[in-house]
Amino acid sequence: MIPTAYFVGLSALLFSIGVLGVLVRRNAIIVFMSIEMMLNAANLAFIAFARAQGSLAGQVFVFFVMTVAAAEVAVGLALIVTVFKSRHSSSIDSLNSLRG
């Protein structure tokens, strides 16, 4: 048996790497991948705590988080492709000029 603290530690490390990626990088694709990494870190924590308590509630939450993440990726990538077609750049700084 692997202790729950190891899973939580790995989850915290993955979440921190995701936050760092969102704050440091300027490419929209990298930012979306970092957000997905943060969501997966939360999923790992849900699964770890559900396993520790012996319930299935964490797995139900993970299912909903994965559903929301899939919808977010579909909409986000569609927006990135549309902006890339018009601006020829996927930089977040170029999105600032779209304000009306």
Protein backbone atom coordinates (compact mmCIF):
# COMPACT_ATOMS: atom_id res chain seq x y z
CA MET A 1 0.00 0.00 0.00
CA ILE A 2 1.28 3.40 -0.98
CA PRO A 3 0.47 6.04 1.66
CA THR A 4 -2.04 8.73 0.80
CA ALA A 5 0.52 11.41 1.62
CA TYR A 6 2.61 10.35 -1.39
CA PHE A 7 -0.35 10.81 -3.72
CA VAL A 8 -1.18 14.18 -2.18
CA GLY A 9 2.45 15.27 -2.47
CA LEU A 10 2.55 14.28 -6.14
CA SER A 11 -0.73 16.09 -6.67
CA ALA A 12 0.65 19.25 -5.05
CA LEU A 13 3.79 19.04 -7.19
CA LEU A 14 1.77 18.64 -10.41
CA PHE A 15 -0.53 21.50 -9.40
CA SER A 16 2.46 23.75 -8.66
CA ILE A 17 4.03 22.97 -12.03
CA GLY A 18 0.69 23.80 -13.68
CA VAL A 19 0.41 27.12 -11.86
CA LEU A 20 3.99 27.96 -12.81
CA GLY A 21 3.20 27.16 -16.45
CA VAL A 22 0.15 29.43 -16.44
CA LEU A 23 2.01 32.32 -14.83
CA VAL A 24 5.26 32.11 -16.81
CA ARG A 25 4.39 31.01 -20.33
CA ARG A 26 2.86 33.28 -22.98
CA ASN A 27 1.78 30.61 -25.49
CA ALA A 28 -1.94 29.83 -25.31
CA ILE A 29 -1.43 26.11 -26.02
CA ILE A 30 1.05 25.79 -23.14
CA VAL A 31 -1.33 27.67 -20.84
CA PHE A 32 -4.14 25.25 -21.70
CA MET A 33 -1.85 22.28 -21.10
CA SER A 34 -0.91 23.77 -17.73
CA ILE A 35 -4.58 24.17 -16.81
CA GLU A 36 -5.17 20.54 -17.76
CA MET A 37 -2.24 19.54 -15.55
CA MET A 38 -3.82 21.41 -12.63
CA LEU A 39 -7.15 19.65 -13.23
CA ASN A 40 -5.40 16.28 -13.33
CA ALA A 41 -3.62 17.11 -10.08
CA ALA A 42 -6.99 17.80 -8.48
CA ASN A 43 -8.28 14.51 -9.89
CA LEU A 44 -5.35 12.66 -8.33
CA ALA A 45 -6.09 14.24 -4.96
CA PHE A 46 -9.79 13.29 -5.26
CA ILE A 47 -8.88 9.69 -6.05
CA ALA A 48 -6.31 9.53 -3.23
CA PHE A 49 -8.77 10.78 -0.62
CA ALA A 50 -11.57 8.56 -1.94
CA ARG A 51 -9.24 5.57 -1.71
CA ALA A 52 -8.23 6.50 1.84
CA GLN A 53 -11.86 6.76 2.94
CA GLY A 54 -13.04 3.76 0.97
CA SER A 55 -15.81 5.64 -0.85
CA LEU A 56 -16.63 6.23 -4.49
CA ALA A 57 -17.51 9.91 -4.09
CA GLY A 58 -14.05 11.04 -5.24
CA GLN A 59 -14.35 9.00 -8.41
CA VAL A 60 -17.69 10.63 -9.18
CA PHE A 61 -16.10 14.06 -8.78
CA VAL A 62 -13.26 13.00 -11.08
CA PHE A 63 -15.78 11.99 -13.73
CA PHE A 64 -17.39 15.44 -13.62
CA VAL A 65 -14.01 17.22 -13.66
CA MET A 66 -12.96 15.20 -16.71
CA THR A 67 -16.22 16.11 -18.45
CA VAL A 68 -15.72 19.82 -17.76
CA ALA A 69 -12.07 19.58 -18.84
CA ALA A 70 -13.05 17.97 -22.15
CA ALA A 71 -15.57 20.75 -22.83
CA GLU A 72 -12.99 23.38 -21.86
CA VAL A 73 -10.42 21.92 -24.24
CA ALA A 74 -12.89 21.77 -27.13
CA VAL A 75 -13.98 25.39 -26.72
CA GLY A 76 -10.50 26.66 -25.85
CA LEU A 77 -8.80 25.04 -28.81
CA ALA A 78 -11.51 26.31 -31.15
CA LEU A 79 -10.87 29.83 -29.87
CA ILE A 80 -7.10 29.44 -30.21
CA VAL A 81 -7.42 28.19 -33.80
CA THR A 82 -9.72 31.10 -34.67
CA VAL A 83 -7.36 33.66 -33.13
CA PHE A 84 -4.37 32.01 -34.81
CA LYS A 85 -6.06 32.27 -38.19
CA SER A 86 -6.69 35.99 -37.76
CA ARG A 87 -3.52 37.04 -35.86
CA HIS A 88 -1.01 34.35 -37.04
CA SER A 89 0.15 34.02 -33.45
CA SER A 90 -0.92 31.97 -30.45
CA SER A 91 0.62 34.37 -27.94
CA ILE A 92 -1.59 35.51 -25.09
CA ASP A 93 -0.23 39.03 -25.45
CA SER A 94 -1.77 39.30 -28.92
CA LEU A 95 -5.18 38.44 -27.45
CA ASN A 96 -5.06 41.64 -25.42
CA SER A 97 -5.67 43.66 -28.61
CA LEU A 98 -9.04 41.94 -29.15
CA ARG A 99 -10.74 44.04 -26.50
CA GLY A 100 -13.43 46.23 -27.98
